[in-house]
Amino acid sequence: MECSRNRDSCHSLAPVGLWRALSAICIAIIAAASYSHNARISLSLTTPFSNTIMPATTTSATTFAEQLERAKNFDGYLAALDQSGGSTPKALKAFGINEDSYVLGETSMFDAIHMIRSRIIASPSFEGNRTLGAILFENTMDRDIEGIPTPTYLWERKKIIPFLKVDKGLAPQEKGVKLMKPMPDLDGLLERAKAKGIFGTKMRSYIQEYNEEGIQAIVNQQFEIGNQILAKGLIPILEPEVDIHSPDKAKIEDFLKKKLLEGFDSKITPGKAVMIKLSLPTKVNLYKDLVDHPNCVRVVALSGGYYRDEANQILDQQDGMIASFSRALAEGLHDTMTDEEWNDCLDKSIASIFAASKKR
């Protein structure tokens, strides 16, 4: 408005070109404000002139209920696409992208991993008929795919439920386990995730040795933070991973199951339910009691270092468990592949993981 009231003085003080530039800036500011207002009042807007999906600002109760029903009952698996800053170089190397192609920890590194994740998500092989959900890193949640925010793209374009990794990594080992590092900004992250259309979260801790006190601490922390996440209207995936190379793996798993069942009975906010992600067990159907528990939405399995064929073979024996694979999902994919080669390789990987996953 100030530009409009002083139009004559502007002409007298500046060249016509400058006046036009100032006018364009004013118009852009007004347009941006209008867009922001419209985005806030629309969950998912498609204009009559384009099939572009506008950014979602929250998950409606109807959408959340639909996603929860799929999470409980749909045949499929979760794609774990949540490598964080520390594990990104290793993930990129597996795709054939070496460290001399980016600067460690800088934007170029996250650009490189987002390019890979986008190629997986946008592939015609990666659809909601087999892929139940995708777990995202925070940086991926905040980026777009084909001009659409990633969580919106997953649900609106693919019918794939978006999850978010919320932990900040592992604390040093103590009493045979690695608890999660403190998450002082968790509430803010959860609110932002909910506003972006995220359905649920995932948080990982790590058990290396049989130590009852340490394992109990892992379980307590997982349920405590899980309840914090439930309070924000999101479904948490608890992930107390067991080291598959531990000589005490079977013993750890037996004790962990006992403590998890106690937690499902007494530590979850009344009327709520959670998901849980576990290492593939040594004993067949060890976690069937968790699969059948009324406070458990779904039990999913991480590959934990097994190659895909072996992971699928173990998973296939577990009634009700479905996959939540990362490295095993991407096994064989390489940055130099043509789109046809990439899509074919990904299709075969998904087909094998889907076949090994079962609904309860």
Protein backbone atom coordinates (compact mmCIF):
# COMPACT_ATOMS: atom_id res chain seq x y z
CA MET A 1 0.00 0.00 0.00
CA GLU A 2 2.90 2.39 0.73
CA CYS A 3 4.16 1.92 -2.82
CA SER A 4 0.71 2.78 -4.15
CA ARG A 5 0.27 5.99 -2.10
CA ASN A 6 3.67 7.35 -3.14
CA ARG A 7 3.62 6.33 -6.76
CA ASP A 8 4.29 9.85 -8.10
CA SER A 9 7.19 10.43 -5.74
CA CYS A 10 8.61 7.06 -6.62
CA HIS A 11 8.59 8.02 -10.29
CA SER A 12 10.34 11.26 -9.52
CA LEU A 13 13.08 9.64 -7.46
CA ALA A 14 13.82 6.44 -9.33
CA PRO A 15 13.93 5.12 -12.87
CA VAL A 16 10.90 3.38 -14.28
CA GLY A 17 12.67 0.04 -14.04
CA LEU A 18 13.11 0.41 -10.28
CA TRP A 19 9.44 1.31 -9.86
CA ARG A 20 8.41 -1.78 -11.78
CA ALA A 21 10.65 -3.95 -9.62
CA LEU A 22 9.14 -2.49 -6.43
CA SER A 23 5.65 -3.10 -7.77
CA ALA A 24 6.49 -6.70 -8.57
CA ILE A 25 7.77 -7.22 -5.02
CA CYS A 26 4.53 -5.85 -3.56
CA ILE A 27 2.47 -8.15 -5.79
CA ALA A 28 4.59 -11.14 -4.81
CA ILE A 29 4.14 -10.40 -1.10
CA ILE A 30 0.37 -10.17 -1.51
CA ALA A 31 0.29 -13.41 -3.52
CA ALA A 32 2.41 -15.22 -0.95
CA ALA A 33 0.15 -14.08 1.88
CA SER A 34 -2.89 -15.25 -0.06
CA TYR A 35 -1.30 -18.64 -0.74
CA SER A 36 -0.32 -19.05 2.92
CA HIS A 37 -3.88 -18.31 4.05
CA ASN A 38 -5.37 -20.73 1.53
CA ALA A 39 -2.87 -23.46 2.45
CA ARG A 40 -3.82 -23.17 6.12
CA ILE A 41 -7.51 -23.74 5.47
CA SER A 42 -7.07 -26.69 3.12
CA LEU A 43 -5.87 -30.17 3.96
CA SER A 44 -5.26 -31.19 0.38
CA LEU A 45 -6.26 -28.88 -2.45
CA THR A 46 -6.25 -29.76 -6.12
CA THR A 47 -6.94 -26.90 -8.51
CA PRO A 48 -9.29 -27.48 -11.48
CA PHE A 49 -6.44 -26.63 -13.83
CA SER A 50 -3.78 -28.93 -12.41
CA ASN A 51 -3.33 -32.27 -10.69
CA THR A 52 -0.78 -30.75 -8.29
CA ILE A 53 -1.51 -31.58 -4.65
CA MET A 54 -1.17 -28.61 -2.34
CA PRO A 55 0.70 -29.05 0.96
CA ALA A 56 -1.32 -30.66 3.74
CA THR A 57 -1.26 -28.74 7.03
CA THR A 58 -2.56 -31.49 9.28
CA THR A 59 -3.96 -34.99 9.20
CA SER A 60 -7.76 -35.02 9.39
CA ALA A 61 -9.50 -37.39 11.76
CA THR A 62 -10.91 -39.27 8.77
CA THR A 63 -7.49 -39.68 7.16
CA PHE A 64 -5.92 -40.75 10.45
CA ALA A 65 -8.65 -43.36 10.97
CA GLU A 66 -8.11 -44.71 7.46
CA GLN A 67 -4.36 -44.88 7.99
CA LEU A 68 -4.78 -46.58 11.36
CA GLU A 69 -7.06 -49.22 9.84
CA ARG A 70 -4.48 -49.89 7.10
CA ALA A 71 -1.67 -50.03 9.65
CA LYS A 72 -3.57 -52.67 11.61
CA ASN A 73 -4.79 -54.90 8.82
CA PHE A 74 -3.17 -54.24 5.44
CA ASP A 75 -0.86 -56.77 3.81
CA GLY A 76 2.42 -54.99 3.23
CA TYR A 77 5.73 -53.88 4.70
CA LEU A 78 7.34 -50.64 5.91
CA ALA A 79 10.14 -49.09 3.88
CA ALA A 80 12.76 -47.72 6.27
CA LEU A 81 14.14 -44.67 4.44
CA ASP A 82 15.34 -42.91 7.57
CA GLN A 83 19.14 -43.01 7.52
CA SER A 84 20.27 -39.97 9.50
CA GLY A 85 23.34 -37.79 9.12
CA GLY A 86 25.72 -40.26 10.74
CA SER A 87 24.65 -43.26 8.66
CA THR A 88 24.13 -41.37 5.38
CA PRO A 89 27.67 -41.83 3.94
CA LYS A 90 27.42 -45.60 4.37
CA ALA A 91 23.98 -45.62 2.74
CA LEU A 92 25.19 -43.47 -0.17
CA LYS A 93 28.22 -45.72 -0.71
CA ALA A 94 25.89 -48.71 -1.05
CA PHE A 95 24.21 -46.87 -3.93
CA GLY A 96 27.58 -46.19 -5.58
CA ILE A 97 27.90 -42.56 -4.48
CA ASN A 98 31.31 -41.90 -2.94
CA GLU A 99 32.25 -39.22 -0.41
CA ASP A 100 34.08 -37.14 -3.02
CA SER A 101 30.66 -36.43 -4.59
CA TYR A 102 29.45 -34.34 -1.63
CA VAL A 103 30.61 -32.53 1.51
CA LEU A 104 30.13 -34.61 4.67
CA GLY A 105 27.34 -33.20 6.81
CA GLU A 106 26.57 -30.37 4.41
CA THR A 107 23.58 -29.68 2.16
CA SER A 108 25.18 -31.53 -0.74
CA MET A 109 25.16 -34.77 1.26
CA PHE A 110 21.47 -34.43 2.10
CA ASP A 111 20.76 -33.50 -1.52
CA ALA A 112 22.40 -36.74 -2.62
CA ILE A 113 20.45 -38.99 -0.22
CA HIS A 114 17.20 -37.17 -1.01
CA MET A 115 17.78 -37.82 -4.70
CA ILE A 116 18.06 -41.56 -3.94
CA ARG A 117 15.03 -41.57 -1.66
CA SER A 118 13.01 -39.63 -4.22
CA ARG A 119 13.96 -42.13 -6.91
CA ILE A 120 12.74 -44.99 -4.72
CA ILE A 121 9.50 -43.27 -3.67
CA ALA A 122 8.62 -42.01 -7.16
CA SER A 123 9.26 -45.41 -8.76
CA PRO A 124 6.17 -47.13 -10.19
CA SER A 125 7.33 -50.22 -8.26
CA PHE A 126 6.85 -48.35 -4.97
CA GLU A 127 3.07 -48.20 -4.52
CA GLY A 128 0.56 -48.61 -1.72
CA ASN A 129 -0.67 -51.95 -3.00
CA ARG A 130 2.44 -53.55 -1.45
CA THR A 131 4.16 -50.84 0.57
CA LEU A 132 2.19 -50.12 3.74
CA GLY A 133 4.31 -47.26 5.04
CA ALA A 134 7.59 -45.39 4.74
CA ILE A 135 9.75 -44.15 7.63
CA LEU A 136 11.38 -40.80 6.85
CA PHE A 137 14.32 -38.86 8.21
CA GLU A 138 13.41 -35.32 9.36
CA ASN A 139 15.28 -33.75 6.44
CA THR A 140 13.25 -35.88 4.02
CA MET A 141 9.98 -34.86 5.69
CA ASP A 142 10.90 -31.22 5.11
CA ARG A 143 11.68 -31.69 1.42
CA ASP A 144 9.53 -32.14 -1.69
CA ILE A 145 9.20 -34.85 -4.30
CA GLU A 146 8.07 -33.62 -7.71
CA GLY A 147 7.14 -30.31 -6.09
CA ILE A 148 4.96 -31.93 -3.41
CA PRO A 149 5.90 -32.25 0.31
CA THR A 150 7.16 -35.79 0.86
CA PRO A 151 4.52 -36.88 3.44
CA THR A 152 1.73 -35.54 1.20
CA TYR A 153 3.24 -37.23 -1.85
CA LEU A 154 3.40 -40.58 -0.05
CA TRP A 155 -0.22 -40.57 1.08
CA GLU A 156 -2.00 -38.64 -1.69
CA ARG A 157 -0.07 -40.05 -4.65
CA LYS A 158 0.91 -43.49 -3.38
CA LYS A 159 -1.46 -44.36 -0.51
CA ILE A 160 1.61 -45.08 1.64
CA ILE A 161 1.46 -44.10 5.31
CA PRO A 162 4.22 -41.60 6.30
CA PHE A 163 6.19 -42.16 9.51
CA LEU A 164 9.04 -40.07 10.96
CA LYS A 165 12.24 -41.09 12.76
CA VAL A 166 12.34 -38.88 15.86
CA ASP A 167 15.28 -40.13 17.94
CA LYS A 168 18.57 -38.22 17.95
CA GLY A 169 20.83 -41.24 18.01
CA LEU A 170 22.24 -43.48 20.72
CA ALA A 171 23.93 -42.65 24.01
CA PRO A 172 27.18 -44.43 24.94
CA GLN A 173 26.80 -48.04 26.03
CA GLU A 174 26.00 -48.62 29.68
CA LYS A 175 24.88 -51.86 31.33
CA GLY A 176 25.00 -53.67 28.00
CA VAL A 177 22.63 -51.30 26.18
CA LYS A 178 22.53 -47.97 24.38
CA LEU A 179 19.61 -45.77 25.39
CA MET A 180 18.37 -42.99 23.16
CA LYS A 181 19.97 -39.58 23.56
CA PRO A 182 17.80 -36.87 25.14
CA MET A 183 15.22 -35.28 22.84
CA PRO A 184 14.52 -31.86 24.41
CA ASP A 185 12.77 -30.54 21.29
CA LEU A 186 10.58 -33.60 20.74
CA ASP A 187 7.24 -31.89 21.38
CA GLY A 188 7.98 -29.24 18.78
CA LEU A 189 9.07 -31.84 16.25
CA LEU A 190 5.93 -33.89 16.85
CA GLU A 191 3.69 -30.86 16.38
CA ARG A 192 5.48 -29.99 13.15
CA ALA A 193 5.24 -33.60 11.95
CA LYS A 194 1.51 -33.74 12.68
CA ALA A 195 1.02 -30.51 10.76
CA LYS A 196 2.83 -32.03 7.77
CA GLY A 197 0.58 -35.10 7.67
CA ILE A 198 2.84 -37.60 9.44
CA PHE A 199 0.91 -40.56 10.91
CA GLY A 200 3.46 -42.09 13.26
CA THR A 201 7.02 -42.08 14.50
CA LYS A 202 9.96 -44.43 15.07
CA MET A 203 12.68 -44.34 17.72
CA ARG A 204 15.55 -46.79 18.11
CA SER A 205 17.54 -48.01 21.09
CA TYR A 206 20.05 -50.87 21.09
CA ILE A 207 20.68 -53.96 23.21
CA GLN A 208 24.09 -55.63 22.91
CA GLU A 209 24.44 -57.72 26.05
CA TYR A 210 22.23 -59.61 28.46
CA ASN A 211 21.80 -57.23 31.38
CA GLU A 212 18.38 -57.20 33.00
CA GLU A 213 18.75 -53.73 34.46
CA GLY A 214 19.87 -52.32 31.11
CA ILE A 215 17.07 -54.04 29.17
CA GLN A 216 14.50 -52.77 31.69
CA ALA A 217 15.85 -49.24 31.21
CA ILE A 218 15.44 -49.61 27.44
CA VAL A 219 11.82 -50.75 27.83
CA ASN A 220 11.00 -47.97 30.31
CA GLN A 221 12.41 -45.29 28.02
CA GLN A 222 10.63 -46.61 24.94
CA PHE A 223 7.21 -46.65 26.63
CA GLU A 224 7.75 -43.29 28.35
CA ILE A 225 8.54 -41.51 25.10
CA GLY A 226 5.90 -43.56 23.30
CA ASN A 227 3.25 -42.07 25.59
CA GLN A 228 4.61 -38.59 24.91
CA ILE A 229 4.15 -39.26 21.18
CA LEU A 230 0.64 -40.68 21.68
CA ALA A 231 -0.31 -37.47 23.51
CA LYS A 232 0.46 -35.53 20.31
CA GLY A 233 -1.93 -37.67 18.26
CA LEU A 234 0.71 -39.83 16.54
CA ILE A 235 1.29 -43.59 16.61
CA PRO A 236 4.79 -44.47 17.87
CA ILE A 237 6.85 -47.40 16.66
CA LEU A 238 8.93 -48.55 19.61
CA GLU A 239 12.25 -50.05 18.49
CA PRO A 240 14.40 -51.84 21.07
CA GLU A 241 16.79 -53.48 18.60
CA VAL A 242 18.78 -56.54 19.65
CA ASP A 243 22.27 -57.02 18.20
CA ILE A 244 21.96 -60.05 15.91
CA HIS A 245 25.62 -60.90 16.60
CA SER A 246 25.27 -60.99 20.38
CA PRO A 247 26.14 -64.42 21.82
CA ASP A 248 23.22 -63.90 24.21
CA LYS A 249 20.71 -62.96 21.52
CA ALA A 250 18.12 -65.65 22.35
CA LYS A 251 18.38 -65.00 26.09
CA ILE A 252 18.08 -61.25 25.55
CA GLU A 253 14.99 -61.75 23.40
CA ASP A 254 13.25 -63.94 25.99
CA PHE A 255 13.74 -61.35 28.72
CA LEU A 256 12.89 -58.47 26.41
CA LYS A 257 9.62 -60.12 25.40
CA LYS A 258 8.68 -60.58 29.06
CA LYS A 259 9.31 -56.91 29.81
CA LEU A 260 7.56 -55.73 26.65
CA LEU A 261 4.44 -57.72 27.54
CA GLU A 262 4.48 -56.12 30.99
CA GLY A 263 4.77 -52.75 29.27
CA PHE A 264 1.91 -53.42 26.88
CA ASP A 265 -0.23 -54.43 29.87
CA SER A 266 0.61 -51.50 32.14
CA LYS A 267 2.72 -48.74 30.57
CA ILE A 268 0.60 -47.56 27.63
CA THR A 269 -1.82 -44.67 28.05
CA PRO A 270 -5.29 -46.25 28.56
CA GLY A 271 -7.25 -46.51 25.34
CA LYS A 272 -4.15 -46.13 23.18
CA ALA A 273 -2.03 -48.55 21.15
CA VAL A 274 1.47 -48.56 19.68
CA MET A 275 3.50 -50.36 17.05
CA ILE A 276 6.77 -52.11 17.77
CA LYS A 277 9.82 -52.88 15.63
CA LEU A 278 12.00 -55.81 16.68
CA SER A 279 15.00 -57.74 15.46
CA LEU A 280 14.09 -60.98 13.72
CA PRO A 281 13.86 -63.48 16.59
CA THR A 282 15.96 -66.58 17.12
CA LYS A 283 12.89 -68.61 18.17
CA VAL A 284 10.05 -68.92 15.67
CA ASN A 285 6.95 -66.94 16.69
CA LEU A 286 8.59 -65.65 19.85
CA TYR A 287 6.67 -62.39 19.51
CA LYS A 288 3.27 -63.85 18.61
CA ASP A 289 1.90 -62.75 22.01
CA LEU A 290 2.77 -59.16 21.06
CA VAL A 291 1.18 -59.57 17.63
CA ASP A 292 -2.06 -60.62 19.32
CA HIS A 293 -1.98 -58.02 22.11
CA PRO A 294 -4.94 -55.58 22.00
CA ASN A 295 -2.64 -52.60 22.66
CA CYS A 296 -0.40 -53.45 19.69
CA VAL A 297 -1.22 -52.00 16.28
CA ARG A 298 1.45 -54.03 14.45
CA VAL A 299 4.70 -55.87 15.03
CA VAL A 300 7.32 -55.15 12.37
CA ALA A 301 10.78 -56.63 11.91
CA LEU A 302 14.07 -54.96 11.05
CA SER A 303 16.57 -56.83 8.93
CA GLY A 304 19.31 -55.89 11.40
CA GLY A 305 22.23 -56.78 9.17
CA TYR A 306 20.85 -59.92 7.52
CA TYR A 307 20.92 -59.98 3.74
CA ARG A 308 17.49 -59.82 2.15
CA ASP A 309 17.10 -63.51 1.29
CA GLU A 310 18.00 -64.63 4.80
CA ALA A 311 15.88 -61.92 6.40
CA ASN A 312 12.89 -62.92 4.27
CA GLN A 313 13.40 -66.58 5.15
CA ILE A 314 13.36 -65.86 8.90
CA LEU A 315 10.45 -63.42 8.59
CA ASP A 316 8.39 -65.89 6.59
CA GLN A 317 8.28 -68.17 9.65
CA GLN A 318 6.92 -65.48 12.00
CA ASP A 319 3.12 -65.37 12.07
CA GLY A 320 1.83 -61.83 11.97
CA MET A 321 5.17 -59.99 11.72
CA ILE A 322 5.79 -57.81 8.68
CA ALA A 323 9.02 -56.33 7.39
CA SER A 324 10.45 -52.90 8.06
CA PHE A 325 13.61 -53.18 6.01
CA SER A 326 16.16 -50.55 5.02
CA ARG A 327 19.38 -51.97 3.60
CA ALA A 328 17.64 -55.21 2.62
CA LEU A 329 15.03 -53.23 0.66
CA ALA A 330 17.64 -51.27 -1.28
CA GLU A 331 19.93 -54.24 -1.86
CA GLY A 332 21.13 -54.28 -5.47
CA LEU A 333 20.12 -50.71 -6.32
CA HIS A 334 22.87 -48.55 -7.85
CA ASP A 335 22.95 -44.90 -8.81
CA THR A 336 24.17 -45.68 -12.36
CA MET A 337 21.15 -47.86 -13.23
CA THR A 338 18.75 -46.74 -15.91
CA ASP A 339 15.20 -46.08 -14.74
CA GLU A 340 14.12 -49.41 -16.22
CA GLU A 341 16.90 -51.28 -14.41
CA TRP A 342 16.22 -49.42 -11.16
CA ASN A 343 12.47 -50.05 -11.23
CA ASP A 344 12.94 -53.72 -12.12
CA CYS A 345 15.46 -54.28 -9.31
CA LEU A 346 13.24 -52.47 -6.80
CA ASP A 347 10.18 -54.39 -7.96
CA LYS A 348 11.87 -57.74 -7.34
CA SER A 349 13.05 -56.63 -3.90
CA ILE A 350 9.58 -55.40 -2.90
CA ALA A 351 7.91 -58.54 -4.26
CA SER A 352 10.10 -60.80 -2.12
CA ILE A 353 9.66 -58.69 1.04
CA PHE A 354 5.91 -58.39 0.49
CA ALA A 355 5.62 -62.17 0.10
CA ALA A 356 7.43 -62.74 3.41
CA SER A 357 5.26 -60.23 5.28
CA LYS A 358 1.88 -61.26 6.60
CA LYS A 359 -1.02 -59.57 8.29
CA ARG A 360 -2.04 -60.97 11.63
